[in-house]
Amino acid sequence: MLNAKNDSILAVDGGGTRCRLVLSGTAGQWSVEMGSANVTSDFDGAVHQITEGLAALSSQSGLAPEALYQVPAYLGLAGVTGSAIATRLEQALPLTHTRIADDRPIALRGALGDRDGAIAHCGTGSFFALQSGGQMRLAGGWGLILGDEASAAWVGRLALTRALAVVDGLGQTTPLIEEIMATRGDSAAIVEFAASAKPAEFGHYAKLVSRHAAEGDRQAVSLMTAAADHIAASLADLGFLPGQALCLTGGIGPVYAPYLPKTLQAALVTPVGTPLEGALALAEEFREELVA
């Protein structure tokens, strides 16, 4: 149990590109930004980034490392796929009071605050999340091989599939298809590219899709509509209700707005905060549990 007079909290937002740590309390707020912290793709590297970040926060704030390690911490990290890896991370870090989850809850809380509603996060990858009555429901985020529907990588990969279908005489060529073929050269080059392409490389083609869709390209509009339909179906499965708020986040997420059903378009709101702010809010809730 914590001393109720100690109001400090520690929040960590770790992703595949960067890891941000914030120490906040009545004495002030300090933050640092480190490198990648995906605990599945590079567990030891993530531990190193977080540990180095803690050292930097200690130096900035003047709080001794031993005192900093006692601060309640909420960590939202890419690659936390279950309790086993969360426990392993907890044991690897010097922190005493930790709550560790993947990066979806902090994105949901950051976007919506304490309002009921949902987010459809569609960047290079994708996930869907609902917040209602103080409870969260999460879906997706499993990567392009097993999911990531409506993500930029998913749309880009499907665009290449459509291009191959046109080569086979099974679809209509459009300016989108023509640009893809001009970029890659021929079907053999598409297959060779796809064999080793990373999600971000597939995601590059989503930019072509969204641009051509805005110009009325039939193939591009079909792809954007397929993604929007998946978003609508996923939100319905999570239990999203009329009157709740909906945020589209991620690089391609907001681009889907005009392709969504009218009921979902009417529910769209601007995110109220960032995932890091969501981590701070969840860290404060965790602190309150500990002092109760």
Protein backbone atom coordinates (compact mmCIF):
# COMPACT_ATOMS: atom_id res chain seq x y z
CA MET A 1 0.00 0.00 0.00
CA LEU A 2 1.21 3.51 -0.80
CA ASN A 3 1.30 6.62 1.33
CA ALA A 4 -1.68 8.69 0.18
CA LYS A 5 0.46 11.85 0.44
CA ASN A 6 2.61 10.59 -2.41
CA ASP A 7 0.69 11.68 -5.50
CA SER A 8 3.36 10.96 -8.09
CA ILE A 9 2.62 8.71 -11.04
CA LEU A 10 4.69 7.30 -13.88
CA ALA A 11 3.31 6.69 -17.38
CA VAL A 12 4.98 4.90 -20.26
CA ASP A 13 3.82 4.85 -23.89
CA GLY A 14 6.03 2.45 -25.81
CA GLY A 15 5.76 1.61 -29.50
CA GLY A 16 7.77 0.27 -32.35
CA THR A 17 9.22 3.69 -33.17
CA ARG A 18 9.61 5.44 -29.82
CA CYS A 19 9.02 5.13 -26.10
CA ARG A 20 7.88 8.09 -24.02
CA LEU A 21 8.00 8.23 -20.23
CA VAL A 22 6.41 10.86 -17.99
CA LEU A 23 6.78 11.40 -14.24
CA SER A 24 4.02 13.62 -12.87
CA GLY A 25 3.10 14.93 -9.42
CA THR A 26 2.61 18.11 -7.41
CA ALA A 27 6.34 18.81 -7.63
CA GLY A 28 6.14 19.02 -11.42
CA GLN A 29 6.15 16.97 -14.58
CA TRP A 30 9.13 15.57 -16.45
CA SER A 31 9.24 13.61 -19.68
CA VAL A 32 11.78 11.82 -21.86
CA GLU A 33 11.62 10.16 -25.25
CA MET A 34 13.59 7.02 -26.02
CA GLY A 35 13.83 4.54 -28.88
CA SER A 36 11.71 1.55 -29.87
CA ALA A 37 10.05 -0.47 -27.09
CA ASN A 38 8.20 -3.37 -28.68
CA VAL A 39 8.56 -6.19 -26.16
CA THR A 40 7.74 -8.94 -28.65
CA SER A 41 10.13 -7.96 -31.44
CA ASP A 42 12.98 -6.96 -29.08
CA PHE A 43 12.35 -7.67 -25.41
CA ASP A 44 15.86 -6.86 -24.17
CA GLY A 45 15.95 -3.69 -26.25
CA ALA A 46 12.63 -2.54 -24.80
CA VAL A 47 13.83 -3.18 -21.25
CA HIS A 48 16.98 -1.19 -22.00
CA GLN A 49 15.02 1.77 -23.40
CA ILE A 50 12.66 1.87 -20.43
CA THR A 51 15.48 1.52 -17.90
CA GLU A 52 17.50 4.27 -19.57
CA GLY A 53 14.37 6.41 -19.64
CA LEU A 54 13.91 5.93 -15.91
CA ALA A 55 17.50 7.01 -15.32
CA ALA A 56 16.89 10.14 -17.40
CA LEU A 57 13.71 10.95 -15.43
CA SER A 58 15.60 10.51 -12.17
CA SER A 59 18.26 12.93 -13.37
CA GLN A 60 15.73 15.48 -14.63
CA SER A 61 13.51 15.45 -11.57
CA GLY A 62 16.18 15.06 -8.90
CA LEU A 63 14.26 12.09 -7.51
CA ALA A 64 16.59 9.31 -6.43
CA PRO A 65 16.25 6.10 -8.46
CA GLU A 66 15.12 4.16 -5.36
CA ALA A 67 12.28 6.66 -4.80
CA LEU A 68 11.36 6.73 -8.48
CA TYR A 69 11.04 2.95 -8.53
CA GLN A 70 8.35 3.19 -5.82
CA VAL A 71 6.10 5.45 -7.93
CA PRO A 72 2.98 3.71 -9.32
CA ALA A 73 3.55 3.08 -13.01
CA TYR A 74 1.22 2.28 -15.90
CA LEU A 75 2.97 0.92 -18.98
CA GLY A 76 1.20 0.66 -22.32
CA LEU A 77 3.59 -1.12 -24.66
CA ALA A 78 3.49 -2.56 -28.15
CA GLY A 79 4.04 -6.31 -28.16
CA VAL A 80 2.40 -7.14 -24.83
CA THR A 81 0.41 -10.10 -26.11
CA GLY A 82 -0.63 -11.63 -22.79
CA SER A 83 0.06 -12.11 -19.09
CA ALA A 84 3.22 -14.17 -19.60
CA ILE A 85 5.18 -11.45 -21.34
CA ALA A 86 3.75 -8.80 -19.00
CA THR A 87 4.98 -10.78 -15.99
CA ARG A 88 8.38 -11.27 -17.60
CA LEU A 89 8.66 -7.52 -18.16
CA GLU A 90 7.55 -6.73 -14.63
CA GLN A 91 10.32 -8.97 -13.31
CA ALA A 92 12.89 -7.38 -15.61
CA LEU A 93 12.21 -3.79 -14.53
CA PRO A 94 13.19 -2.23 -11.19
CA LEU A 95 9.72 -0.75 -10.62
CA THR A 96 7.82 -1.87 -7.51
CA HIS A 97 4.22 -0.97 -8.44
CA THR A 98 3.40 -1.65 -12.08
CA ARG A 99 0.42 -2.28 -14.27
CA ILE A 100 1.44 -3.46 -17.73
CA ALA A 101 -0.79 -3.76 -20.79
CA ASP A 102 -0.51 -3.46 -24.54
CA ASP A 103 -0.80 -0.06 -26.21
CA ARG A 104 -4.53 -0.27 -27.00
CA PRO A 105 -6.01 0.80 -23.61
CA ILE A 106 -3.90 3.96 -23.45
CA ALA A 107 -4.92 4.90 -27.00
CA LEU A 108 -8.60 4.38 -26.13
CA ARG A 109 -8.44 6.35 -22.88
CA GLY A 110 -6.37 9.10 -24.45
CA ALA A 111 -8.77 9.58 -27.35
CA LEU A 112 -12.03 9.45 -25.36
CA GLY A 113 -11.12 10.54 -21.84
CA ASP A 114 -13.82 9.10 -19.58
CA ARG A 115 -16.59 9.21 -22.21
CA ASP A 116 -18.31 6.08 -23.46
CA GLY A 117 -17.39 5.32 -27.03
CA ALA A 118 -14.95 3.60 -29.32
CA ILE A 119 -11.90 4.08 -31.44
CA ALA A 120 -10.96 2.53 -34.75
CA HIS A 121 -7.21 2.84 -34.89
CA CYS A 122 -5.93 2.32 -38.41
CA GLY A 123 -2.28 3.08 -38.98
CA THR A 124 0.24 0.66 -40.43
CA GLY A 125 -1.60 -1.88 -38.25
CA SER A 126 -5.08 -1.70 -36.76
CA PHE A 127 -7.19 -2.40 -33.71
CA PHE A 128 -10.66 -1.55 -32.41
CA ALA A 129 -11.62 -0.69 -28.85
CA LEU A 130 -14.78 0.18 -26.90
CA GLN A 131 -15.11 1.96 -23.57
CA SER A 132 -18.49 1.71 -21.85
CA GLY A 133 -19.54 1.92 -18.21
CA GLY A 134 -15.93 1.96 -17.07
CA GLN A 135 -15.11 -1.26 -18.92
CA MET A 136 -12.94 -1.76 -22.00
CA ARG A 137 -13.32 -4.22 -24.85
CA LEU A 138 -10.42 -4.64 -27.26
CA ALA A 139 -10.07 -6.40 -30.60
CA GLY A 140 -7.40 -6.71 -33.24
CA GLY A 141 -3.81 -5.63 -33.24
CA TRP A 142 -2.54 -9.09 -34.20
CA GLY A 143 -0.40 -8.09 -37.16
CA LEU A 144 -0.81 -8.28 -40.92
CA ILE A 145 -0.39 -12.04 -41.26
CA LEU A 146 -3.31 -12.80 -38.92
CA GLY A 147 -5.34 -9.61 -39.07
CA ASP A 148 -4.87 -5.82 -39.10
CA GLU A 149 -7.97 -5.42 -41.27
CA ALA A 150 -8.54 -1.85 -42.51
CA SER A 151 -4.94 -0.92 -41.72
CA ALA A 152 -2.79 0.84 -44.27
CA ALA A 153 -0.80 -2.36 -44.73
CA TRP A 154 -4.01 -4.37 -45.31
CA VAL A 155 -5.34 -1.88 -47.87
CA GLY A 156 -1.99 -1.71 -49.66
CA ARG A 157 -1.67 -5.48 -49.84
CA LEU A 158 -5.23 -5.80 -51.15
CA ALA A 159 -4.51 -3.18 -53.79
CA LEU A 160 -1.65 -5.31 -55.10
CA THR A 161 -3.97 -8.33 -55.09
CA ARG A 162 -6.46 -6.36 -57.19
CA ALA A 163 -3.69 -5.43 -59.61
CA LEU A 164 -2.81 -9.10 -60.08
CA ALA A 165 -6.48 -9.90 -60.66
CA VAL A 166 -6.57 -7.33 -63.47
CA VAL A 167 -3.45 -8.91 -64.99
CA ASP A 168 -5.39 -12.20 -64.99
CA GLY A 169 -8.30 -10.55 -66.74
CA LEU A 170 -10.54 -10.84 -63.67
CA GLY A 171 -10.99 -7.17 -62.90
CA GLN A 172 -11.30 -3.74 -64.43
CA THR A 173 -8.21 -1.61 -64.88
CA THR A 174 -8.38 1.90 -63.45
CA PRO A 175 -5.86 4.72 -62.88
CA LEU A 176 -5.01 3.14 -59.50
CA ILE A 177 -4.18 -0.20 -61.09
CA GLU A 178 -2.25 1.51 -63.87
CA GLU A 179 -0.14 3.44 -61.35
CA ILE A 180 0.59 0.30 -59.36
CA MET A 181 1.69 -1.54 -62.49
CA ALA A 182 3.81 1.41 -63.59
CA THR A 183 5.45 1.49 -60.16
CA ARG A 184 6.21 -2.22 -59.94
CA GLY A 185 6.59 -3.06 -63.63
CA ASP A 186 4.83 -6.42 -63.95
CA SER A 187 3.14 -9.21 -62.02
CA ALA A 188 6.41 -11.02 -61.31
CA ALA A 189 7.79 -7.87 -59.67
CA ILE A 190 4.67 -7.56 -57.51
CA VAL A 191 5.02 -11.15 -56.30
CA GLU A 192 8.73 -10.67 -55.61
CA PHE A 193 8.05 -7.48 -53.67
CA ALA A 194 5.25 -9.02 -51.61
CA ALA A 195 7.35 -12.03 -50.63
CA SER A 196 9.56 -9.93 -48.36
CA ALA A 197 7.68 -6.64 -47.91
CA LYS A 198 7.16 -5.32 -44.40
CA PRO A 199 3.79 -3.89 -43.32
CA ALA A 200 5.00 -0.32 -43.71
CA GLU A 201 6.02 -1.09 -47.31
CA PHE A 202 2.56 -2.46 -48.08
CA GLY A 203 1.16 0.61 -46.36
CA HIS A 204 2.82 2.86 -48.93
CA TYR A 205 0.24 1.69 -51.47
CA ALA A 206 -2.61 2.75 -49.19
CA LYS A 207 -1.65 6.34 -49.94
CA LEU A 208 -2.23 5.67 -53.62
CA VAL A 209 -5.56 4.05 -52.83
CA SER A 210 -6.86 6.94 -50.73
CA ARG A 211 -5.73 9.51 -53.30
CA HIS A 212 -7.35 7.70 -56.21
CA ALA A 213 -10.50 7.04 -54.18
CA ALA A 214 -10.89 10.77 -53.58
CA GLU A 215 -10.82 11.17 -57.37
CA GLY A 216 -13.56 8.57 -57.84
CA ASP A 217 -11.45 5.62 -59.00
CA ARG A 218 -13.77 2.57 -58.87
CA GLN A 219 -11.13 0.12 -57.66
CA ALA A 220 -9.85 2.53 -55.01
CA VAL A 221 -13.35 3.38 -53.77
CA SER A 222 -14.11 -0.34 -53.53
CA LEU A 223 -11.03 -0.88 -51.35
CA MET A 224 -11.81 2.04 -49.05
CA THR A 225 -15.40 0.89 -48.75
CA ALA A 226 -14.29 -2.66 -47.88
CA ALA A 227 -12.12 -1.26 -45.10
CA ALA A 228 -14.92 0.98 -43.82
CA ASP A 229 -17.35 -1.96 -43.85
CA HIS A 230 -14.92 -3.94 -41.71
CA ILE A 231 -14.65 -1.04 -39.26
CA ALA A 232 -18.45 -0.84 -39.01
CA ALA A 233 -18.80 -4.59 -38.48
CA SER A 234 -16.05 -4.69 -35.85
CA LEU A 235 -17.56 -1.81 -33.89
CA ALA A 236 -20.97 -3.50 -33.96
CA ASP A 237 -19.45 -6.74 -32.69
CA LEU A 238 -17.80 -4.83 -29.82
CA GLY A 239 -21.18 -3.41 -28.81
CA PHE A 240 -20.91 0.16 -30.10
CA LEU A 241 -24.24 1.95 -29.69
CA PRO A 242 -25.81 5.02 -31.33
CA GLY A 243 -25.11 8.11 -29.25
CA GLN A 244 -21.64 6.98 -28.21
CA ALA A 245 -18.56 8.81 -29.46
CA LEU A 246 -16.31 7.42 -32.19
CA CYS A 247 -12.72 8.43 -32.91
CA LEU A 248 -10.83 7.45 -36.04
CA THR A 249 -7.13 7.44 -35.21
CA GLY A 250 -3.90 6.44 -36.92
CA GLY A 251 -2.52 7.61 -40.23
CA ILE A 252 -5.30 6.29 -42.46
CA GLY A 253 -8.12 6.09 -39.91
CA PRO A 254 -9.60 9.58 -40.43
CA VAL A 255 -9.53 9.07 -44.21
CA TYR A 256 -12.27 6.44 -43.88
CA ALA A 257 -14.83 8.94 -42.55
CA PRO A 258 -16.76 9.54 -45.80
CA TYR A 259 -16.95 5.80 -46.52
CA LEU A 260 -18.56 4.87 -43.19
CA PRO A 261 -22.32 4.43 -42.72
CA LYS A 262 -24.11 7.71 -41.93
CA THR A 263 -24.83 6.59 -38.36
CA LEU A 264 -21.10 6.23 -37.68
CA GLN A 265 -20.26 9.47 -39.46
CA ALA A 266 -22.67 11.24 -37.10
CA ALA A 267 -20.86 9.75 -34.10
CA LEU A 268 -17.39 11.01 -35.08
CA VAL A 269 -15.59 13.24 -32.62
CA THR A 270 -12.07 14.64 -32.39
CA PRO A 271 -9.78 12.79 -29.95
CA VAL A 272 -9.46 14.70 -26.69
CA GLY A 273 -5.92 13.54 -25.99
CA THR A 274 -2.97 11.36 -26.87
CA PRO A 275 -2.07 7.79 -25.84
CA LEU A 276 0.48 9.22 -23.41
CA GLU A 277 -2.26 11.26 -21.74
CA GLY A 278 -4.29 8.06 -21.61
CA ALA A 279 -1.39 6.33 -19.86
CA LEU A 280 -1.25 9.16 -17.31
CA ALA A 281 -4.99 8.84 -16.60
CA LEU A 282 -4.70 5.06 -16.14
CA ALA A 283 -1.62 5.52 -13.95
CA GLU A 284 -3.61 7.86 -11.71
CA GLU A 285 -6.42 5.30 -11.43
CA PHE A 286 -3.84 2.67 -10.54
CA ARG A 287 -2.37 4.93 -7.84
CA GLU A 288 -5.82 5.50 -6.36
CA GLU A 289 -6.34 1.72 -6.15
CA LEU A 290 -3.07 1.32 -4.29
CA VAL A 291 -3.81 3.99 -1.68
CA ALA A 292 -7.44 2.94 -1.14
